[in-house]
């Protein structure tokens, strides 16, 4: 089963991190990615641009509207994700707990709903 691991953190904190520490964090992410590729859990991943680059799209009564920025204001923002293959929720939680961002923010684990075309 596929699980999406959504990484949330305060995106303004990253700007305050010394360069050496930021490089260490990135190294941890690269090592984590290599590890889950080897274990067979990896399906895909990406970091996201900051929230000020987001556009929220809504369609109401057939009319399209867009808003600059994310839908909600929060202390922690969605910064990236890993799409993983895991045997069950517990396996997915064990993988998510190793994501470096879990130590600085939070990782939401959500099963992916896969639809079959009739």
PDB file of N, CA and C in Angstrom:
ATOM      1  N   UNK A   1       0.843  -1.172   0.000  1.00  0.00           N
ATOM      2  CA  UNK A   1       0.000   0.000   0.000  1.00  0.00           C
ATOM      3  C   UNK A   1       0.893   1.241   0.000  1.00  0.00           C
ATOM      4  N   UNK A   2       0.437   2.276  -0.698  1.00  0.00           N
ATOM      5  CA  UNK A   2       1.197   3.519  -0.743  1.00  0.00           C
ATOM      6  C   UNK A   2       0.740   4.455   0.379  1.00  0.00           C
ATOM      7  N   UNK A   3       1.720   5.164   0.935  1.00  0.00           N
ATOM      8  CA  UNK A   3       1.471   6.167   1.966  1.00  0.00           C
ATOM      9  C   UNK A   3       2.198   7.442   1.585  1.00  0.00           C
ATOM     10  N   UNK A   4       1.536   8.585   1.810  1.00  0.00           N
ATOM     11  CA  UNK A   4       2.157   9.877   1.589  1.00  0.00           C
ATOM     12  C   UNK A   4       2.602  10.415   2.938  1.00  0.00           C
ATOM     13  N   UNK A   5       3.876  10.724   3.053  1.00  0.00           N
ATOM     14  CA  UNK A   5       4.450  11.280   4.281  1.00  0.00           C
ATOM     15  C   UNK A   5       4.667  12.764   4.035  1.00  0.00           C
ATOM     16  N   UNK A   6       3.814  13.599   4.626  1.00  0.00           N
ATOM     17  CA  UNK A   6       3.841  15.039   4.429  1.00  0.00           C
ATOM     18  C   UNK A   6       4.688  15.677   5.523  1.00  0.00           C
ATOM     19  N   UNK A   7       5.692  16.439   5.146  1.00  0.00           N
ATOM     20  CA  UNK A   7       6.648  17.010   6.095  1.00  0.00           C
ATOM     21  C   UNK A   7       6.270  18.459   6.378  1.00  0.00           C
ATOM     22  N   UNK A   8       5.958  18.754   7.636  1.00  0.00           N
ATOM     23  CA  UNK A   8       5.580  20.098   8.053  1.00  0.00           C
ATOM     24  C   UNK A   8       6.627  20.670   8.990  1.00  0.00           C
ATOM     25  N   UNK A   9       6.974  21.934   8.782  1.00  0.00           N
ATOM     26  CA  UNK A   9       7.890  22.638   9.662  1.00  0.00           C
ATOM     27  C   UNK A   9       7.692  24.135   9.464  1.00  0.00           C
ATOM     28  N   UNK A  10       8.277  24.905  10.341  1.00  0.00           N
ATOM     29  CA  UNK A  10       8.244  26.359  10.212  1.00  0.00           C
ATOM     30  C   UNK A  10       9.257  26.742   9.129  1.00  0.00           C
ATOM     31  N   UNK A  11       8.767  27.144   7.968  1.00  0.00           N
ATOM     32  CA  UNK A  11       9.681  27.426   6.861  1.00  0.00           C
ATOM     33  C   UNK A  11      10.585  28.621   7.124  1.00  0.00           C
ATOM     34  N   UNK A  12      10.216  29.510   8.048  1.00  0.00           N
ATOM     35  CA  UNK A  12      11.083  30.646   8.357  1.00  0.00           C
ATOM     36  C   UNK A  12      12.288  30.215   9.191  1.00  0.00           C
ATOM     37  N   UNK A  13      12.185  29.089   9.880  1.00  0.00           N
ATOM     38  CA  UNK A  13      13.303  28.593  10.688  1.00  0.00           C
ATOM     39  C   UNK A  13      14.486  28.217   9.806  1.00  0.00           C
ATOM     40  N   UNK A  14      14.222  27.698   8.605  1.00  0.00           N
ATOM     41  CA  UNK A  14      15.285  27.270   7.700  1.00  0.00           C
ATOM     42  C   UNK A  14      16.207  28.438   7.354  1.00  0.00           C
ATOM     43  N   UNK A  15      15.651  29.643   7.234  1.00  0.00           N
ATOM     44  CA  UNK A  15      16.434  30.827   6.879  1.00  0.00           C
ATOM     45  C   UNK A  15      17.419  31.220   7.990  1.00  0.00           C
ATOM     46  N   UNK A  16      17.152  30.788   9.218  1.00  0.00           N
ATOM     47  CA  UNK A  16      17.977  31.160  10.371  1.00  0.00           C
ATOM     48  C   UNK A  16      19.050  30.120  10.693  1.00  0.00           C
ATOM     49  N   UNK A  17      19.016  28.986  10.008  1.00  0.00           N
ATOM     50  CA  UNK A  17      19.951  27.900  10.291  1.00  0.00           C
ATOM     51  C   UNK A  17      21.321  28.224   9.675  1.00  0.00           C
ATOM     52  N   UNK A  18      22.399  28.096  10.467  1.00  0.00           N
ATOM     53  CA  UNK A  18      23.736  28.316   9.897  1.00  0.00           C
ATOM     54  C   UNK A  18      23.993  27.360   8.727  1.00  0.00           C
ATOM     55  N   UNK A  19      24.815  27.825   7.771  1.00  0.00           N
ATOM     56  CA  UNK A  19      25.056  27.065   6.544  1.00  0.00           C
ATOM     57  C   UNK A  19      25.539  25.644   6.829  1.00  0.00           C
ATOM     58  N   UNK A  20      26.453  25.477   7.775  1.00  0.00           N
ATOM     59  CA  UNK A  20      26.985  24.140   8.075  1.00  0.00           C
ATOM     60  C   UNK A  20      25.879  23.209   8.582  1.00  0.00           C
ATOM     61  N   UNK A  21      24.987  23.742   9.408  1.00  0.00           N
ATOM     62  CA  UNK A  21      23.886  22.921   9.920  1.00  0.00           C
ATOM     63  C   UNK A  21      22.888  22.592   8.802  1.00  0.00           C
ATOM     64  N   UNK A  22      22.623  23.561   7.927  1.00  0.00           N
ATOM     65  CA  UNK A  22      21.715  23.322   6.800  1.00  0.00           C
ATOM     66  C   UNK A  22      22.281  22.227   5.894  1.00  0.00           C
ATOM     67  N   UNK A  23      23.576  22.258   5.643  1.00  0.00           N
ATOM     68  CA  UNK A  23      24.204  21.227   4.816  1.00  0.00           C
ATOM     69  C   UNK A  23      24.131  19.861   5.495  1.00  0.00           C
ATOM     70  N   UNK A  24      24.247  19.835   6.826  1.00  0.00           N
ATOM     71  CA  UNK A  24      24.123  18.582   7.581  1.00  0.00           C
ATOM     72  C   UNK A  24      22.705  18.022   7.428  1.00  0.00           C
ATOM     73  N   UNK A  25      21.689  18.886   7.557  1.00  0.00           N
ATOM     74  CA  UNK A  25      20.294  18.446   7.400  1.00  0.00           C
ATOM     75  C   UNK A  25      20.065  17.882   6.006  1.00  0.00           C
ATOM     76  N   UNK A  26      20.552  18.591   4.988  1.00  0.00           N
ATOM     77  CA  UNK A  26      20.374  18.102   3.616  1.00  0.00           C
ATOM     78  C   UNK A  26      21.056  16.750   3.431  1.00  0.00           C
ATOM     79  N   UNK A  27      22.232  16.592   4.027  1.00  0.00           N
ATOM     80  CA  UNK A  27      22.920  15.305   3.975  1.00  0.00           C
ATOM     81  C   UNK A  27      22.098  14.198   4.607  1.00  0.00           C
ATOM     82  N   UNK A  28      21.412  14.522   5.715  1.00  0.00           N
ATOM     83  CA  UNK A  28      20.552  13.535   6.374  1.00  0.00           C
ATOM     84  C   UNK A  28      19.387  13.144   5.466  1.00  0.00           C
ATOM     85  N   UNK A  29      18.804  14.126   4.772  1.00  0.00           N
ATOM     86  CA  UNK A  29      17.711  13.818   3.843  1.00  0.00           C
ATOM     87  C   UNK A  29      18.203  12.939   2.696  1.00  0.00           C
ATOM     88  N   UNK A  30      19.379  13.263   2.138  1.00  0.00           N
ATOM     89  CA  UNK A  30      19.921  12.453   1.043  1.00  0.00           C
ATOM     90  C   UNK A  30      20.198  11.027   1.521  1.00  0.00           C
ATOM     91  N   UNK A  31      20.744  10.891   2.724  1.00  0.00           N
ATOM     92  CA  UNK A  31      21.034   9.557   3.273  1.00  0.00           C
ATOM     93  C   UNK A  31      19.735   8.790   3.513  1.00  0.00           C
ATOM     94  N   UNK A  32      18.712   9.465   4.035  1.00  0.00           N
ATOM     95  CA  UNK A  32      17.418   8.828   4.250  1.00  0.00           C
ATOM     96  C   UNK A  32      16.842   8.340   2.920  1.00  0.00           C
ATOM     97  N   UNK A  33      16.899   9.199   1.887  1.00  0.00           N
ATOM     98  CA  UNK A  33      16.391   8.816   0.573  1.00  0.00           C
ATOM     99  C   UNK A  33      17.119   7.599   0.017  1.00  0.00           C
ATOM    100  N   UNK A  34      18.449   7.585   0.154  1.00  0.00           N
ATOM    101  CA  UNK A  34      19.224   6.428  -0.310  1.00  0.00           C
ATOM    102  C   UNK A  34      18.802   5.164   0.441  1.00  0.00           C
ATOM    103  N   UNK A  35      18.599   5.296   1.746  1.00  0.00           N
ATOM    104  CA  UNK A  35      18.238   4.151   2.581  1.00  0.00           C
ATOM    105  C   UNK A  35      16.882   3.567   2.189  1.00  0.00           C
ATOM    106  N   UNK A  36      15.878   4.425   1.972  1.00  0.00           N
ATOM    107  CA  UNK A  36      14.560   3.866   1.636  1.00  0.00           C
ATOM    108  C   UNK A  36      14.497   3.383   0.188  1.00  0.00           C
ATOM    109  N   UNK A  37      15.386   3.863  -0.662  1.00  0.00           N
ATOM    110  CA  UNK A  37      15.485   3.282  -2.010  1.00  0.00           C
ATOM    111  C   UNK A  37      15.984   1.844  -1.893  1.00  0.00           C
ATOM    112  N   UNK A  38      17.017   1.654  -1.077  1.00  0.00           N
ATOM    113  CA  UNK A  38      17.596   0.319  -0.886  1.00  0.00           C
ATOM    114  C   UNK A  38      16.599  -0.642  -0.245  1.00  0.00           C
ATOM    115  N   UNK A  39      15.772  -0.131   0.681  1.00  0.00           N
ATOM    116  CA  UNK A  39      14.829  -1.004   1.393  1.00  0.00           C
ATOM    117  C   UNK A  39      13.578  -1.304   0.574  1.00  0.00           C
ATOM    118  N   UNK A  40      13.380  -0.583  -0.543  1.00  0.00           N
ATOM    119  CA  UNK A  40      12.203  -0.813  -1.382  1.00  0.00           C
ATOM    120  C   UNK A  40      10.996   0.020  -0.989  1.00  0.00           C
ATOM    121  N   UNK A  41      11.121   0.900  -0.015  1.00  0.00           N
ATOM    122  CA  UNK A  41      10.007   1.740   0.405  1.00  0.00           C
ATOM    123  C   UNK A  41       9.785   2.943  -0.512  1.00  0.00           C
ATOM    124  N   UNK A  42      10.808   3.392  -1.197  1.00  0.00           N
ATOM    125  CA  UNK A  42      10.757   4.647  -1.950  1.00  0.00           C
ATOM    126  C   UNK A  42       9.891   4.540  -3.195  1.00  0.00           C
ATOM    127  N   UNK A  43       8.993   5.509  -3.382  1.00  0.00           N
ATOM    128  CA  UNK A  43       8.228   5.646  -4.618  1.00  0.00           C
ATOM    129  C   UNK A  43       8.557   7.000  -5.254  1.00  0.00           C
ATOM    130  N   UNK A  44       8.612   8.066  -4.444  1.00  0.00           N
ATOM    131  CA  UNK A  44       8.920   9.395  -4.960  1.00  0.00           C
ATOM    132  C   UNK A  44       9.030  10.398  -3.834  1.00  0.00           C
ATOM    133  N   UNK A  45       9.608  11.561  -4.135  1.00  0.00           N
ATOM    134  CA  UNK A  45       9.710  12.628  -3.132  1.00  0.00           C
ATOM    135  C   UNK A  45      10.060  13.934  -3.813  1.00  0.00           C
ATOM    136  N   UNK A  46       9.732  15.016  -3.149  1.00  0.00           N
ATOM    137  CA  UNK A  46      10.119  16.357  -3.588  1.00  0.00           C
ATOM    138  C   UNK A  46      10.011  17.314  -2.421  1.00  0.00           C
ATOM    139  N   UNK A  47      10.858  18.330  -2.455  1.00  0.00           N
ATOM    140  CA  UNK A  47      10.692  19.479  -1.561  1.00  0.00           C
ATOM    141  C   UNK A  47       9.786  20.458  -2.298  1.00  0.00           C
ATOM    142  N   UNK A  48       9.140  21.322  -1.549  1.00  0.00           N
ATOM    143  CA  UNK A  48       8.257  22.320  -2.150  1.00  0.00           C
ATOM    144  C   UNK A  48       8.866  23.707  -2.005  1.00  0.00           C
ATOM    145  N   UNK A  49       8.542  24.582  -2.944  1.00  0.00           N
ATOM    146  CA  UNK A  49       8.947  25.982  -2.833  1.00  0.00           C
ATOM    147  C   UNK A  49       8.205  26.598  -1.647  1.00  0.00           C
ATOM    148  N   UNK A  50       8.667  27.728  -1.116  1.00  0.00           N
ATOM    149  CA  UNK A  50       8.013  28.356   0.043  1.00  0.00           C
ATOM    150  C   UNK A  50       6.539  28.678  -0.222  1.00  0.00           C
ATOM    151  N   UNK A  51       5.783  28.819   0.846  1.00  0.00           N
ATOM    152  CA  UNK A  51       4.339  29.026   0.722  1.00  0.00           C
ATOM    153  C   UNK A  51       3.981  30.286  -0.042  1.00  0.00           C
ATOM    154  N   UNK A  52       4.837  31.313  -0.032  1.00  0.00           N
ATOM    155  CA  UNK A  52       4.487  32.541  -0.766  1.00  0.00           C
ATOM    156  C   UNK A  52       4.429  32.299  -2.275  1.00  0.00           C
ATOM    157  N   UNK A  53       4.926  31.153  -2.746  1.00  0.00           N
ATOM    158  CA  UNK A  53       4.847  30.835  -4.175  1.00  0.00           C
ATOM    159  C   UNK A  53       3.572  30.063  -4.521  1.00  0.00           C
ATOM    160  N   UNK A  54       2.795  29.698  -3.512  1.00  0.00           N
ATOM    161  CA  UNK A  54       1.590  28.887  -3.724  1.00  0.00           C
ATOM    162  C   UNK A  54       0.450  29.714  -4.304  1.00  0.00           C
ATOM    163  N   UNK A  55      -0.410  29.035  -5.024  1.00  0.00           N
ATOM    164  CA  UNK A  55      -1.656  29.620  -5.506  1.00  0.00           C
ATOM    165  C   UNK A  55      -2.774  28.643  -5.156  1.00  0.00           C
ATOM    166  N   UNK A  56      -3.805  29.143  -4.503  1.00  0.00           N
ATOM    167  CA  UNK A  56      -4.951  28.313  -4.145  1.00  0.00           C
ATOM    168  C   UNK A  56      -6.041  28.520  -5.198  1.00  0.00           C
ATOM    169  N   UNK A  57      -6.580  27.425  -5.706  1.00  0.00           N
ATOM    170  CA  UNK A  57      -7.588  27.453  -6.765  1.00  0.00           C
ATOM    171  C   UNK A  57      -8.916  26.973  -6.190  1.00  0.00           C
ATOM    172  N   UNK A  58      -9.976  27.710  -6.511  1.00  0.00           N
ATOM    173  CA  UNK A  58     -11.325  27.312  -6.124  1.00  0.00           C
ATOM    174  C   UNK A  58     -12.244  27.510  -7.324  1.00  0.00           C
ATOM    175  N   UNK A  59     -13.239  26.636  -7.447  1.00  0.00           N
ATOM    176  CA  UNK A  59     -14.293  26.811  -8.440  1.00  0.00           C
ATOM    177  C   UNK A  59     -15.607  26.754  -7.678  1.00  0.00           C
ATOM    178  N   UNK A  60     -16.361  27.836  -7.749  1.00  0.00           N
ATOM    179  CA  UNK A  60     -17.659  27.926  -7.081  1.00  0.00           C
ATOM    180  C   UNK A  60     -18.689  28.387  -8.098  1.00  0.00           C
ATOM    181  N   UNK A  61     -19.754  27.632  -8.219  1.00  0.00           N
ATOM    182  CA  UNK A  61     -20.815  27.953  -9.172  1.00  0.00           C
ATOM    183  C   UNK A  61     -20.250  28.183 -10.566  1.00  0.00           C
ATOM    184  N   UNK A  62     -19.260  27.355 -10.949  1.00  0.00           N
ATOM    185  CA  UNK A  62     -18.686  27.435 -12.281  1.00  0.00           C
ATOM    186  C   UNK A  62     -17.672  28.556 -12.473  1.00  0.00           C
ATOM    187  N   UNK A  63     -17.404  29.345 -11.425  1.00  0.00           N
ATOM    188  CA  UNK A  63     -16.462  30.454 -11.555  1.00  0.00           C
ATOM    189  C   UNK A  63     -15.147  30.088 -10.888  1.00  0.00           C
ATOM    190  N   UNK A  64     -14.061  30.329 -11.625  1.00  0.00           N
ATOM    191  CA  UNK A  64     -12.712  30.069 -11.139  1.00  0.00           C
ATOM    192  C   UNK A  64     -12.201  31.280 -10.379  1.00  0.00           C
ATOM    193  N   UNK A  65     -11.636  31.035  -9.202  1.00  0.00           N
ATOM    194  CA  UNK A  65     -10.948  32.108  -8.477  1.00  0.00           C
ATOM    195  C   UNK A  65      -9.615  31.570  -7.973  1.00  0.00           C
ATOM    196  N   UNK A  66      -8.639  32.440  -7.913  1.00  0.00           N
ATOM    197  CA  UNK A  66      -7.331  32.068  -7.395  1.00  0.00           C
ATOM    198  C   UNK A  66      -6.936  33.047  -6.296  1.00  0.00           C
ATOM    199  N   UNK A  67      -6.188  32.542  -5.342  1.00  0.00           N
ATOM    200  CA  UNK A  67      -5.679  33.355  -4.241  1.00  0.00           C
ATOM    201  C   UNK A  67      -4.193  33.080  -4.125  1.00  0.00           C
ATOM    202  N   UNK A  68      -3.406  34.133  -4.007  1.00  0.00           N
ATOM    203  CA  UNK A  68      -1.979  33.937  -3.787  1.00  0.00           C
ATOM    204  C   UNK A  68      -1.756  33.352  -2.408  1.00  0.00           C
ATOM    205  N   UNK A  69      -0.850  32.401  -2.322  1.00  0.00           N
ATOM    206  CA  UNK A  69      -0.488  31.818  -1.035  1.00  0.00           C
ATOM    207  C   UNK A  69      -1.292  30.597  -0.696  1.00  0.00           C
ATOM    208  N   UNK A  70      -0.952  30.018   0.457  1.00  0.00           N
ATOM    209  CA  UNK A  70      -1.624  28.783   0.896  1.00  0.00           C
ATOM    210  C   UNK A  70      -3.027  29.070   1.384  1.00  0.00           C
ATOM    211  N   UNK A  71      -3.786  28.001   1.527  1.00  0.00           N
ATOM    212  CA  UNK A  71      -5.187  28.109   1.948  1.00  0.00           C
ATOM    213  C   UNK A  71      -5.318  28.598   3.382  1.00  0.00           C
ATOM    214  N   UNK A  72      -4.455  28.134   4.278  1.00  0.00           N
ATOM    215  CA  UNK A  72      -4.578  28.488   5.692  1.00  0.00           C
ATOM    216  C   UNK A  72      -3.264  29.049   6.214  1.00  0.00           C
ATOM    217  N   UNK A  73      -3.369  29.846   7.252  1.00  0.00           N
ATOM    218  CA  UNK A  73      -2.194  30.368   7.948  1.00  0.00           C
ATOM    219  C   UNK A  73      -1.911  29.435   9.125  1.00  0.00           C
ATOM    220  N   UNK A  74      -0.704  28.925   9.202  1.00  0.00           N
ATOM    221  CA  UNK A  74      -0.334  28.031  10.299  1.00  0.00           C
ATOM    222  C   UNK A  74       1.096  28.317  10.715  1.00  0.00           C
ATOM    223  N   UNK A  75       1.489  27.783  11.878  1.00  0.00           N
ATOM    224  CA  UNK A  75       2.873  27.914  12.336  1.00  0.00           C
ATOM    225  C   UNK A  75       3.798  27.036  11.521  1.00  0.00           C
ATOM    226  N   UNK A  76       3.293  25.875  11.085  1.00  0.00           N
ATOM    227  CA  UNK A  76       4.099  24.943  10.304  1.00  0.00           C
ATOM    228  C   UNK A  76       3.497  24.825   8.910  1.00  0.00           C
ATOM    229  N   UNK A  77       4.375  24.775   7.908  1.00  0.00           N
ATOM    230  CA  UNK A  77       3.925  24.706   6.536  1.00  0.00           C
ATOM    231  C   UNK A  77       4.377  23.392   5.908  1.00  0.00           C
ATOM    232  N   UNK A  78       3.637  22.964   4.896  1.00  0.00           N
ATOM    233  CA  UNK A  78       4.008  21.769   4.144  1.00  0.00           C
ATOM    234  C   UNK A  78       5.254  22.100   3.342  1.00  0.00           C
ATOM    235  N   UNK A  79       6.338  21.386   3.600  1.00  0.00           N
ATOM    236  CA  UNK A  79       7.603  21.690   2.955  1.00  0.00           C
ATOM    237  C   UNK A  79       8.053  20.657   1.956  1.00  0.00           C
ATOM    238  N   UNK A  80       7.470  19.467   2.008  1.00  0.00           N
ATOM    239  CA  UNK A  80       7.869  18.415   1.089  1.00  0.00           C
ATOM    240  C   UNK A  80       7.159  17.125   1.434  1.00  0.00           C
ATOM    241  N   UNK A  81       7.487  16.082   0.692  1.00  0.00           N
ATOM    242  CA  UNK A  81       6.822  14.806   0.927  1.00  0.00           C
ATOM    243  C   UNK A  81       7.675  13.654   0.439  1.00  0.00           C
ATOM    244  N   UNK A  82       7.366  12.486   0.955  1.00  0.00           N
ATOM    245  CA  UNK A  82       7.851  11.218   0.426  1.00  0.00           C
ATOM    246  C   UNK A  82       6.631  10.369   0.145  1.00  0.00           C
ATOM    247  N   UNK A  83       6.578   9.787  -1.021  1.00  0.00           N
ATOM    248  CA  UNK A  83       5.566   8.796  -1.344  1.00  0.00           C
ATOM    249  C   UNK A  83       6.252   7.455  -1.202  1.00  0.00           C
ATOM    250  N   UNK A  84       5.745   6.632  -0.298  1.00  0.00           N
ATOM    251  CA  UNK A  84       6.408   5.361   0.009  1.00  0.00           C
ATOM    252  C   UNK A  84       5.470   4.187  -0.208  1.00  0.00           C
ATOM    253  N   UNK A  85       6.050   3.025  -0.343  1.00  0.00           N
ATOM    254  CA  UNK A  85       5.322   1.758  -0.378  1.00  0.00           C
ATOM    255  C   UNK A  85       5.615   1.071   0.941  1.00  0.00           C
ATOM    256  N   UNK A  86       4.580   0.692   1.676  1.00  0.00           N
ATOM    257  CA  UNK A  86       4.759   0.035   2.971  1.00  0.00           C
ATOM    258  C   UNK A  86       3.745  -1.089   3.105  1.00  0.00           C
ATOM    259  N   UNK A  87       4.082  -2.092   3.916  1.00  0.00           N
ATOM    260  CA  UNK A  87       3.175  -3.244   4.041  1.00  0.00           C
ATOM    261  C   UNK A  87       1.920  -2.904   4.836  1.00  0.00           C
ATOM    262  N   UNK A  88       2.029  -1.919   5.752  1.00  0.00           N
ATOM    263  CA  UNK A  88       0.875  -1.491   6.548  1.00  0.00           C
ATOM    264  C   UNK A  88       1.200  -0.149   7.204  1.00  0.00           C
ATOM    265  N   UNK A  89       0.240   0.388   7.965  1.00  0.00           N
ATOM    266  CA  UNK A  89       0.427   1.684   8.601  1.00  0.00           C
ATOM    267  C   UNK A  89       1.615   1.678   9.547  1.00  0.00           C
ATOM    268  N   UNK A  90       1.784   0.625  10.313  1.00  0.00           N
ATOM    269  CA  UNK A  90       2.904   0.578  11.247  1.00  0.00           C
ATOM    270  C   UNK A  90       4.243   0.663  10.509  1.00  0.00           C
ATOM    271  N   UNK A  91       4.367  -0.045   9.404  1.00  0.00           N
ATOM    272  CA  UNK A  91       5.582   0.010   8.596  1.00  0.00           C
ATOM    273  C   UNK A  91       5.795   1.435   8.085  1.00  0.00           C
ATOM    274  N   UNK A  92       4.729   2.079   7.621  1.00  0.00           N
ATOM    275  CA  UNK A  92       4.818   3.455   7.125  1.00  0.00           C
ATOM    276  C   UNK A  92       5.236   4.417   8.237  1.00  0.00           C
ATOM    277  N   UNK A  93       4.713   4.218   9.441  1.00  0.00           N
ATOM    278  CA  UNK A  93       5.081   5.066  10.578  1.00  0.00           C
ATOM    279  C   UNK A  93       6.557   4.902  10.915  1.00  0.00           C
ATOM    280  N   UNK A  94       7.045   3.674  10.859  1.00  0.00           N
ATOM    281  CA  UNK A  94       8.462   3.433  11.146  1.00  0.00           C
ATOM    282  C   UNK A  94       9.352   4.142  10.121  1.00  0.00           C
ATOM    283  N   UNK A  95       8.951   4.134   8.852  1.00  0.00           N
ATOM    284  CA  UNK A  95       9.712   4.855   7.828  1.00  0.00           C
ATOM    285  C   UNK A  95       9.625   6.361   8.073  1.00  0.00           C
ATOM    286  N   UNK A  96       8.421   6.873   8.323  1.00  0.00           N
ATOM    287  CA  UNK A  96       8.220   8.312   8.539  1.00  0.00           C
ATOM    288  C   UNK A  96       9.000   8.825   9.748  1.00  0.00           C
ATOM    289  N   UNK A  97       9.148   8.003  10.761  1.00  0.00           N
ATOM    290  CA  UNK A  97       9.873   8.418  11.965  1.00  0.00           C
ATOM    291  C   UNK A  97      11.348   8.672  11.676  1.00  0.00           C
ATOM    292  N   UNK A  98      11.848   8.119  10.583  1.00  0.00           N
ATOM    293  CA  UNK A  98      13.258   8.307  10.216  1.00  0.00           C
ATOM    294  C   UNK A  98      13.481   9.529   9.325  1.00  0.00           C
ATOM    295  N   UNK A  99      12.401  10.172   8.868  1.00  0.00           N
ATOM    296  CA  UNK A  99      12.534  11.381   8.060  1.00  0.00           C
ATOM    297  C   UNK A  99      13.123  12.469   8.958  1.00  0.00           C
ATOM    298  N   UNK A 100      14.224  13.106   8.552  1.00  0.00           N
ATOM    299  CA  UNK A 100      14.854  14.109   9.408  1.00  0.00           C
ATOM    300  C   UNK A 100      13.901  15.202   9.900  1.00  0.00           C
ATOM    301  N   UNK A 101      12.937  15.592   9.090  1.00  0.00           N
ATOM    302  CA  UNK A 101      11.987  16.633   9.476  1.00  0.00           C
ATOM    303  C   UNK A 101      11.119  16.273  10.660  1.00  0.00           C
ATOM    304  N   UNK A 102      11.000  14.994  10.976  1.00  0.00           N
ATOM    305  CA  UNK A 102      10.198  14.575  12.134  1.00  0.00           C
ATOM    306  C   UNK A 102      10.823  15.095  13.437  1.00  0.00           C
ATOM    307  N   UNK A 103      12.121  15.371  13.411  1.00  0.00           N
ATOM    308  CA  UNK A 103      12.803  15.881  14.610  1.00  0.00           C
ATOM    309  C   UNK A 103      12.642  17.384  14.778  1.00  0.00           C
ATOM    310  N   UNK A 104      12.255  18.092  13.711  1.00  0.00           N
ATOM    311  CA  UNK A 104      12.168  19.555  13.761  1.00  0.00           C
ATOM    312  C   UNK A 104      10.741  20.060  13.595  1.00  0.00           C
ATOM    313  N   UNK A 105       9.888  19.245  13.031  1.00  0.00           N
ATOM    314  CA  UNK A 105       8.502  19.631  12.776  1.00  0.00           C
ATOM    315  C   UNK A 105       7.616  18.425  12.994  1.00  0.00           C
ATOM    316  N   UNK A 106       6.852  18.068  11.984  1.00  0.00           N
ATOM    317  CA  UNK A 106       5.952  16.918  12.072  1.00  0.00           C
ATOM    318  C   UNK A 106       5.853  16.264  10.711  1.00  0.00           C
ATOM    319  N   UNK A 107       5.554  14.971  10.711  1.00  0.00           N
ATOM    320  CA  UNK A 107       5.323  14.233   9.469  1.00  0.00           C
ATOM    321  C   UNK A 107       3.951  13.583   9.573  1.00  0.00           C
ATOM    322  N   UNK A 108       3.073  13.960   8.674  1.00  0.00           N
ATOM    323  CA  UNK A 108       1.735  13.357   8.605  1.00  0.00           C
ATOM    324  C   UNK A 108       1.802  12.171   7.658  1.00  0.00           C
ATOM    325  N   UNK A 109       1.323  11.032   8.105  1.00  0.00           N
ATOM    326  CA  UNK A 109       1.305   9.819   7.278  1.00  0.00           C
ATOM    327  C   UNK A 109      -0.135   9.565   6.866  1.00  0.00           C
ATOM    328  N   UNK A 110      -0.348   9.500   5.563  1.00  0.00           N
ATOM    329  CA  UNK A 110      -1.712   9.319   5.075  1.00  0.00           C
ATOM    330  C   UNK A 110      -1.738   8.261   3.974  1.00  0.00           C
ATOM    331  N   UNK A 111      -2.618   7.251   4.097  1.00  0.00           N
ATOM    332  CA  UNK A 111      -2.735   6.251   3.036  1.00  0.00           C
ATOM    333  C   UNK A 111      -3.209   6.909   1.738  1.00  0.00           C
ATOM    334  N   UNK A 112      -2.700   6.423   0.628  1.00  0.00           N
ATOM    335  CA  UNK A 112      -3.102   6.902  -0.683  1.00  0.00           C
ATOM    336  C   UNK A 112      -4.283   6.068  -1.159  1.00  0.00           C
ATOM    337  N   UNK A 113      -5.311   6.722  -1.604  1.00  0.00           N
ATOM    338  CA  UNK A 113      -6.476   6.022  -2.156  1.00  0.00           C
ATOM    339  C   UNK A 113      -6.241   5.868  -3.646  1.00  0.00           C
ATOM    340  N   UNK A 114      -6.204   4.644  -4.102  1.00  0.00           N
ATOM    341  CA  UNK A 114      -5.976   4.387  -5.524  1.00  0.00           C
ATOM    342  C   UNK A 114      -7.285   3.887  -6.123  1.00  0.00           C
ATOM    343  N   UNK A 115      -7.753   4.607  -7.124  1.00  0.00           N
ATOM    344  CA  UNK A 115      -8.993   4.237  -7.801  1.00  0.00           C
ATOM    345  C   UNK A 115      -8.693   3.348  -8.993  1.00  0.00           C
ATOM    346  N   UNK A 116      -9.553   2.400  -9.222  1.00  0.00           N
ATOM    347  CA  UNK A 116      -9.455   1.532 -10.395  1.00  0.00           C
ATOM    348  C   UNK A 116     -10.493   1.993 -11.403  1.00  0.00           C
ATOM    349  N   UNK A 117     -10.063   2.203 -12.615  1.00  0.00           N
ATOM    350  CA  UNK A 117     -11.014   2.562 -13.677  1.00  0.00           C
ATOM    351  C   UNK A 117     -11.896   1.361 -13.996  1.00  0.00           C
ATOM    352  N   UNK A 118     -13.171   1.616 -14.170  1.00  0.00           N
ATOM    353  CA  UNK A 118     -14.064   0.494 -14.548  1.00  0.00           C
ATOM    354  C   UNK A 118     -13.814   0.030 -15.957  1.00  0.00           C
TER     355      UNK A 118
END
